[in-house]
Amino acid sequence: MALEEQQKAGWKQRFGVYGDVPTRFLMRGLESAPWFVEPVLLAMWTAIIFVIAGEQRRAVFGNLRALFPGWSRLRVSFGAYRVFWNFAATYVDALRCETKTGDVDWVIEGLDSFEKLSSSGKGCLILTAHMGNYDMAAPLFSSRFGRTVYAVRAPERDPELQRIREAELREKERQNPQFRSLYNMDDGMLGVELARLLGEGKVVAVQGDRVIFEVSAMEVDVGDGLMMKLPRGPLVLARISKAEVFPLFILRDGWRRYRVQVFSPLELPPRKRGPGEDPAVKVWAEAILKVVRPHWPQWSVFEPVFRREKGGTQ
C-alpha cells in the first residue's frame, strides 16, 4: 500500500508545477506548433498554471502588495498574472532555442562595464536576478564574452526534470566551450569550489535574489518600512574571495528580443564585526530594486521576498 501511495505521489509530482511532464509536453508541441499560435497557447498555458500554482501565486501577490502598497487588489491580481505570463514567455523562448524551432536576438547595455568585466584578469563575480532566462542567456553571453563563465544554478525539484536539464546543459557546454554550469547541492562544498575558481581568476555567475531550499537568508530594510529577504551566500562569497562584483540583469524587450544590462562593480562597504546587518546586503538589495521596480513583471521570483512593517509607506 505504501509503495502504491509513493507511486501516486511520484506521478502527481511529475504532472505538477515543478514536474517534467509539462516541459516534455511543451517541447514536443513546439516542434510542430507554428509561431503564430504561440500567443493563444501562451495565454491558455499561463492561465492554467496561474490557477494550479496557488502557493507561488500567493507569494507573487504578497511581493507586489508590499512593493506597491498603493495598488488595488484587482491591480495586484492582474500584476501577478503578468509575472506568470512573462515567465511563460521567456520559458517558451528558451524551449524554442532548445528545440531549434526559433532564435532570439540579444543586445548588451553597459558596454563599458562589459569591457571591464571581459578584460579583467582577476576573478569576477556576476550577481544576477531571476529575470529573462538564465539558462538561455548564460551560454550566449559567454560565447561573446571571451572568458569562461561558471554559472551556478539550483537543482530541479523533480528527478525526471533534473535529467532533462542535465542533458540540455551538457549540450550547451559542448556547443559553448566557455560556458560551464555548477549545481548548488546539499553537500555544502560549492562555496569552497567557487572561492577557488575566483582565486584562480575565473568568472562566476550567481543568482542572488531567491531564498529556496535550506539557503541561509538575511533581511534588510530598503526604506519606508519595506523589508527584503535575500540569500546570504553570494555576498559571503564576495567577501571571502575579494572579487569584483558586477550586477547583471536580463530583460525581455519583446517577442524573442532580450537585453543584457551590465552595471559597474558594486562598492561593498567593509564588513562590521559582531551581530547586526551587513551593510553590503543593502547595496545589493538597492541594485536589484533599481531594476525590479520599473520592470516588476519580469522578476520571476515565486517565493516571499518583501514584507512591510506596520506604518511603512511606499
Protein backbone atom coordinates (compact mmCIF):
# COMPACT_ATOMS: atom_id res chain seq x y z
CA MET A 1 0.00 0.00 0.00
CA ALA A 2 2.87 2.33 0.88
CA LEU A 3 4.51 1.62 -2.48
CA GLU A 4 1.26 2.39 -4.31
CA GLU A 5 0.89 5.70 -2.47
CA GLN A 6 4.51 6.55 -3.24
CA GLN A 7 3.96 5.87 -6.93
CA LYS A 8 0.85 8.07 -6.96
CA ALA A 9 2.78 10.86 -5.25
CA GLY A 10 5.54 10.48 -7.81
CA TRP A 11 3.14 10.81 -10.74
CA LYS A 12 1.43 13.77 -9.08
CA GLN A 13 4.81 15.47 -8.71
CA ARG A 14 5.70 14.78 -12.34
CA PHE A 15 2.50 16.46 -13.51
CA GLY A 16 2.86 19.34 -11.05
CA VAL A 17 4.34 22.82 -11.39
CA TYR A 18 7.90 21.56 -10.95
CA GLY A 19 7.41 18.26 -12.78
CA ASP A 20 8.88 17.08 -16.07
CA VAL A 21 5.62 16.21 -17.88
CA PRO A 22 4.58 19.83 -18.68
CA THR A 23 8.08 20.52 -20.03
CA ARG A 24 8.06 17.36 -22.17
CA PHE A 25 4.62 18.27 -23.49
CA LEU A 26 5.74 21.80 -24.39
CA MET A 27 8.95 20.62 -26.08
CA ARG A 28 7.01 18.12 -28.19
CA GLY A 29 4.33 20.68 -29.06
CA LEU A 30 6.80 23.39 -30.05
CA GLU A 31 8.36 21.08 -32.61
CA SER A 32 5.15 21.24 -34.65
CA ALA A 33 3.33 24.40 -33.47
CA PRO A 34 3.73 27.40 -35.84
CA TRP A 35 4.86 30.69 -34.33
CA PHE A 36 1.53 32.47 -34.88
CA VAL A 37 -0.35 30.21 -32.46
CA GLU A 38 2.08 30.98 -29.63
CA PRO A 39 0.15 33.95 -28.16
CA VAL A 40 -3.04 31.92 -27.77
CA LEU A 41 -1.31 28.86 -26.35
CA LEU A 42 0.82 31.04 -24.07
CA ALA A 43 -2.22 32.78 -22.60
CA MET A 44 -4.01 29.45 -22.05
CA TRP A 45 -0.98 27.75 -20.50
CA THR A 46 -0.33 30.73 -18.20
CA ALA A 47 -3.96 30.78 -17.04
CA ILE A 48 -3.84 27.08 -16.15
CA ILE A 49 -0.55 27.38 -14.23
CA PHE A 50 -1.79 30.57 -12.54
CA VAL A 51 -4.76 28.65 -11.12
CA ILE A 52 -2.82 25.49 -10.19
CA ALA A 53 0.20 27.18 -8.60
CA GLY A 54 -1.59 28.57 -5.55
CA GLU A 55 1.47 28.85 -3.31
CA GLN A 56 3.51 30.63 -5.97
CA ARG A 57 0.58 32.91 -6.91
CA ARG A 58 0.15 34.00 -3.30
CA ALA A 59 3.89 34.71 -2.99
CA VAL A 60 3.90 36.95 -6.07
CA PHE A 61 0.72 38.64 -4.86
CA GLY A 62 2.34 39.35 -1.48
CA ASN A 63 5.54 40.68 -3.05
CA LEU A 64 3.60 43.09 -5.27
CA ARG A 65 1.39 44.27 -2.38
CA ALA A 66 4.49 45.05 -0.32
CA LEU A 67 6.37 46.66 -3.20
CA PHE A 68 3.40 48.76 -4.35
CA PRO A 69 1.14 49.31 -1.29
CA GLY A 70 -0.99 51.85 -3.15
CA TRP A 71 -2.21 49.29 -5.68
CA SER A 72 -5.76 47.95 -5.51
CA ARG A 73 -6.38 44.23 -5.06
CA LEU A 74 -7.53 43.96 -8.69
CA ARG A 75 -4.37 45.62 -9.97
CA VAL A 76 -2.18 43.36 -7.84
CA SER A 77 -4.04 40.27 -9.12
CA PHE A 78 -3.60 41.34 -12.74
CA GLY A 79 0.04 42.17 -11.99
CA ALA A 80 0.62 38.70 -10.59
CA TYR A 81 -0.82 37.21 -13.79
CA ARG A 82 1.58 39.38 -15.83
CA VAL A 83 4.51 37.99 -13.84
CA PHE A 84 3.38 34.44 -14.64
CA TRP A 85 2.78 35.35 -18.30
CA ASN A 86 6.22 36.89 -18.75
CA PHE A 87 7.86 33.88 -17.10
CA ALA A 88 5.97 31.62 -19.50
CA ALA A 89 7.08 33.74 -22.47
CA THR A 90 10.76 33.51 -21.53
CA TYR A 91 10.33 29.78 -20.85
CA VAL A 92 8.85 29.22 -24.31
CA ASP A 93 11.62 31.30 -25.91
CA ALA A 94 14.20 29.09 -24.19
CA LEU A 95 12.43 25.91 -25.35
CA ARG A 96 12.33 27.30 -28.89
CA CYS A 97 16.10 27.56 -28.73
CA GLU A 98 16.41 24.08 -27.23
CA THR A 99 14.22 22.50 -29.93
CA LYS A 100 15.85 24.64 -32.66
CA THR A 101 12.46 25.98 -33.76
CA GLY A 102 13.27 29.64 -33.12
CA ASP A 103 16.06 32.09 -32.33
CA VAL A 104 16.32 35.13 -30.09
CA ASP A 105 18.06 38.48 -30.61
CA TRP A 106 20.32 39.98 -27.96
CA VAL A 107 21.79 43.41 -27.24
CA ILE A 108 24.19 44.37 -24.45
CA GLU A 109 23.64 47.57 -22.50
CA GLY A 110 26.51 48.95 -20.44
CA LEU A 111 29.39 48.22 -22.80
CA ASP A 112 31.95 50.00 -20.60
CA SER A 113 31.20 47.65 -17.71
CA PHE A 114 31.03 44.69 -20.11
CA GLU A 115 34.50 45.52 -21.46
CA LYS A 116 35.88 45.94 -17.95
CA LEU A 117 34.44 42.57 -16.95
CA SER A 118 35.71 40.79 -20.05
CA SER A 119 39.22 42.32 -19.97
CA SER A 120 39.87 41.88 -16.25
CA GLY A 121 42.49 39.30 -15.46
CA LYS A 122 41.16 38.84 -11.94
CA GLY A 123 38.34 36.74 -10.60
CA CYS A 124 34.95 38.40 -11.08
CA LEU A 125 31.59 37.60 -9.52
CA ILE A 126 28.47 38.28 -11.59
CA LEU A 127 25.43 38.80 -9.39
CA THR A 128 22.15 38.49 -11.23
CA ALA A 129 18.45 38.04 -10.56
CA HIS A 130 15.67 35.82 -11.90
CA MET A 131 14.83 37.97 -14.91
CA GLY A 132 14.85 36.90 -18.55
CA ASN A 133 16.10 33.34 -18.85
CA TYR A 134 19.35 32.47 -17.11
CA ASP A 135 19.84 29.11 -18.83
CA MET A 136 19.32 30.62 -22.27
CA ALA A 137 21.41 33.75 -21.70
CA ALA A 138 24.50 32.32 -19.96
CA PRO A 139 25.84 30.24 -22.91
CA LEU A 140 25.19 33.05 -25.42
CA PHE A 141 26.74 35.63 -23.12
CA SER A 142 29.85 33.53 -22.50
CA SER A 143 30.39 33.00 -26.25
CA ARG A 144 30.62 36.79 -26.75
CA PHE A 145 32.45 37.33 -23.51
CA GLY A 146 35.86 35.80 -24.21
CA ARG A 147 36.23 34.26 -20.73
CA THR A 148 34.88 31.05 -19.29
CA VAL A 149 31.78 31.67 -17.18
CA TYR A 150 30.86 29.25 -14.39
CA ALA A 151 27.09 29.62 -13.89
CA VAL A 152 25.59 28.39 -10.62
CA ARG A 153 22.06 27.03 -10.61
CA ALA A 154 19.79 25.18 -8.21
CA PRO A 155 18.83 21.56 -9.00
CA GLU A 156 15.29 20.83 -10.13
CA ARG A 157 12.85 19.54 -7.54
CA ASP A 158 11.76 16.66 -9.77
CA PRO A 159 14.39 14.00 -10.65
CA GLU A 160 12.95 13.46 -14.16
CA LEU A 161 13.10 17.19 -14.92
CA GLN A 162 16.62 17.29 -13.50
CA ARG A 163 17.66 14.65 -16.05
CA ILE A 164 16.22 16.80 -18.86
CA ARG A 165 18.07 19.88 -17.60
CA GLU A 166 21.32 17.93 -17.21
CA ALA A 167 21.16 16.77 -20.83
CA GLU A 168 20.39 20.32 -22.02
CA LEU A 169 23.29 21.82 -20.05
CA ARG A 170 25.79 19.21 -21.24
CA GLU A 171 24.79 20.01 -24.85
CA LYS A 172 25.16 23.75 -24.19
CA GLU A 173 28.61 23.17 -22.74
CA ARG A 174 29.54 21.17 -25.82
CA GLN A 175 28.37 23.94 -28.15
CA ASN A 176 29.80 26.74 -25.97
CA PRO A 177 33.22 25.68 -24.61
CA GLN A 178 33.45 28.82 -22.46
CA PHE A 179 30.24 28.00 -20.58
CA ARG A 180 30.24 25.75 -17.51
CA SER A 181 27.43 25.02 -15.07
CA LEU A 182 27.66 24.09 -11.39
CA TYR A 183 24.86 22.89 -9.11
CA ASN A 184 24.22 24.17 -5.61
CA MET A 185 23.87 20.82 -3.89
CA ASP A 186 23.32 19.96 -0.21
CA ASP A 187 26.90 18.89 0.49
CA GLY A 188 27.94 22.48 1.23
CA MET A 189 31.13 22.24 -0.85
CA LEU A 190 30.09 24.57 -3.67
CA GLY A 191 31.25 27.69 -1.80
CA VAL A 192 34.74 26.27 -1.49
CA GLU A 193 34.83 25.44 -5.19
CA LEU A 194 33.58 28.89 -6.20
CA ALA A 195 36.13 30.63 -3.97
CA ARG A 196 38.85 28.53 -5.60
CA LEU A 197 37.67 29.46 -9.11
CA LEU A 198 37.55 33.15 -8.25
CA GLY A 199 41.02 32.90 -6.70
CA GLU A 200 42.25 31.45 -9.99
CA GLY A 201 40.89 34.47 -11.89
CA LYS A 202 37.71 32.84 -13.22
CA VAL A 203 34.25 34.37 -13.70
CA VAL A 204 31.40 33.02 -11.58
CA ALA A 205 27.73 33.93 -12.17
CA VAL A 206 25.30 33.56 -9.25
CA GLN A 207 21.61 34.42 -8.89
CA GLY A 208 21.33 36.35 -5.64
CA ASP A 209 17.63 37.09 -5.18
CA ARG A 210 15.86 33.84 -4.18
CA VAL A 211 15.82 32.09 -0.83
CA ILE A 212 14.96 28.46 -1.58
CA PHE A 213 15.62 25.06 -0.03
CA GLU A 214 17.93 25.40 3.00
CA VAL A 215 19.65 28.58 1.83
CA SER A 216 20.70 30.91 4.65
CA ALA A 217 18.70 34.14 4.43
CA MET A 218 19.10 37.70 5.65
CA GLU A 219 16.61 40.56 5.74
CA VAL A 220 17.36 44.21 5.08
CA ASP A 221 15.35 47.42 5.36
CA VAL A 222 15.37 49.09 1.93
CA GLY A 223 13.41 52.14 3.04
CA ASP A 224 9.95 53.22 4.21
CA GLY A 225 9.43 50.03 6.16
CA LEU A 226 9.95 47.74 3.16
CA MET A 227 11.90 44.66 4.20
CA MET A 228 13.65 42.47 1.61
CA LYS A 229 14.86 38.90 2.15
CA LEU A 230 17.99 37.81 0.25
CA PRO A 231 20.32 34.79 0.29
CA ARG A 232 23.44 35.25 2.37
CA GLY A 233 25.81 33.07 0.32
CA PRO A 234 26.62 35.31 -2.70
CA LEU A 235 27.81 38.23 -0.55
CA VAL A 236 29.76 35.93 1.77
CA LEU A 237 31.48 34.58 -1.34
CA ALA A 238 32.27 38.13 -2.47
CA ARG A 239 33.76 38.90 0.95
CA ILE A 240 35.90 35.76 1.09
CA SER A 241 37.18 35.94 -2.50
CA LYS A 242 37.53 39.76 -2.58
CA ALA A 243 36.44 39.55 -6.22
CA GLU A 244 34.86 42.48 -8.04
CA VAL A 245 31.06 42.12 -8.06
CA PHE A 246 29.25 43.08 -11.28
CA PRO A 247 25.43 43.33 -11.23
CA LEU A 248 23.95 41.91 -14.43
CA PHE A 249 20.28 41.67 -15.40
CA ILE A 250 18.46 40.15 -18.38
CA LEU A 251 15.35 41.90 -19.70
CA ARG A 252 12.86 40.72 -22.30
CA ASP A 253 12.22 43.64 -24.69
CA GLY A 254 9.64 41.89 -26.86
CA TRP A 255 8.95 38.82 -28.93
CA ARG A 256 12.26 36.88 -28.82
CA ARG A 257 14.23 40.06 -28.11
CA TYR A 258 16.38 40.38 -24.98
CA ARG A 259 18.69 42.92 -23.42
CA VAL A 260 21.61 42.23 -21.06
CA GLN A 261 22.27 45.09 -18.65
CA VAL A 262 25.79 45.15 -17.18
CA PHE A 263 26.45 47.64 -14.37
CA SER A 264 29.63 48.96 -12.77
CA PRO A 265 31.09 46.89 -9.92
CA LEU A 266 29.36 47.25 -6.57
CA GLU A 267 31.21 49.23 -3.93
CA LEU A 268 30.76 46.96 -0.94
CA PRO A 269 31.39 48.63 2.44
CA PRO A 270 33.73 46.92 4.93
CA ARG A 271 32.24 44.13 7.00
CA LYS A 272 31.44 45.18 10.56
CA ARG A 273 32.33 42.74 13.30
CA GLY A 274 29.68 41.47 15.67
CA PRO A 275 25.94 40.94 15.25
CA GLY A 276 23.81 43.15 13.10
CA GLU A 277 23.04 43.79 9.48
CA ASP A 278 25.85 43.54 6.92
CA PRO A 279 25.84 46.90 5.07
CA ALA A 280 26.75 45.09 1.84
CA VAL A 281 23.32 43.47 1.84
CA LYS A 282 21.65 46.83 1.39
CA VAL A 283 23.96 47.72 -1.51
CA TRP A 284 22.95 44.55 -3.37
CA ALA A 285 19.28 44.99 -2.46
CA GLU A 286 19.27 48.52 -3.86
CA ALA A 287 20.93 47.27 -7.07
CA ILE A 288 18.12 44.73 -7.51
CA LEU A 289 15.37 47.24 -6.73
CA LYS A 290 16.80 49.70 -9.23
CA VAL A 291 15.88 47.23 -11.97
CA VAL A 292 12.93 45.39 -10.40
CA ARG A 293 10.81 48.46 -9.63
CA PRO A 294 10.46 49.62 -13.28
CA HIS A 295 10.50 46.06 -14.67
CA TRP A 296 8.49 44.20 -12.00
CA PRO A 297 6.57 41.95 -14.48
CA GLN A 298 9.88 40.40 -15.48
CA TRP A 299 11.02 39.42 -11.99
CA SER A 300 10.33 35.68 -11.85
CA VAL A 301 10.58 35.08 -8.11
CA PHE A 302 7.80 32.88 -6.77
CA GLU A 303 8.78 32.92 -3.09
CA PRO A 304 8.03 35.59 -0.45
CA VAL A 305 10.74 38.27 -0.65
CA PHE A 306 9.12 41.50 0.53
CA ARG A 307 7.12 42.47 3.57
CA ARG A 308 6.15 45.81 5.04
CA GLU A 309 6.46 46.67 8.67
CA LYS A 310 3.49 48.36 10.29
CA GLY A 311 3.37 52.02 9.41
CA GLY A 312 5.54 51.56 6.30
CA THR A 313 4.63 53.54 3.19
CA GLN A 314 5.65 53.41 -0.44
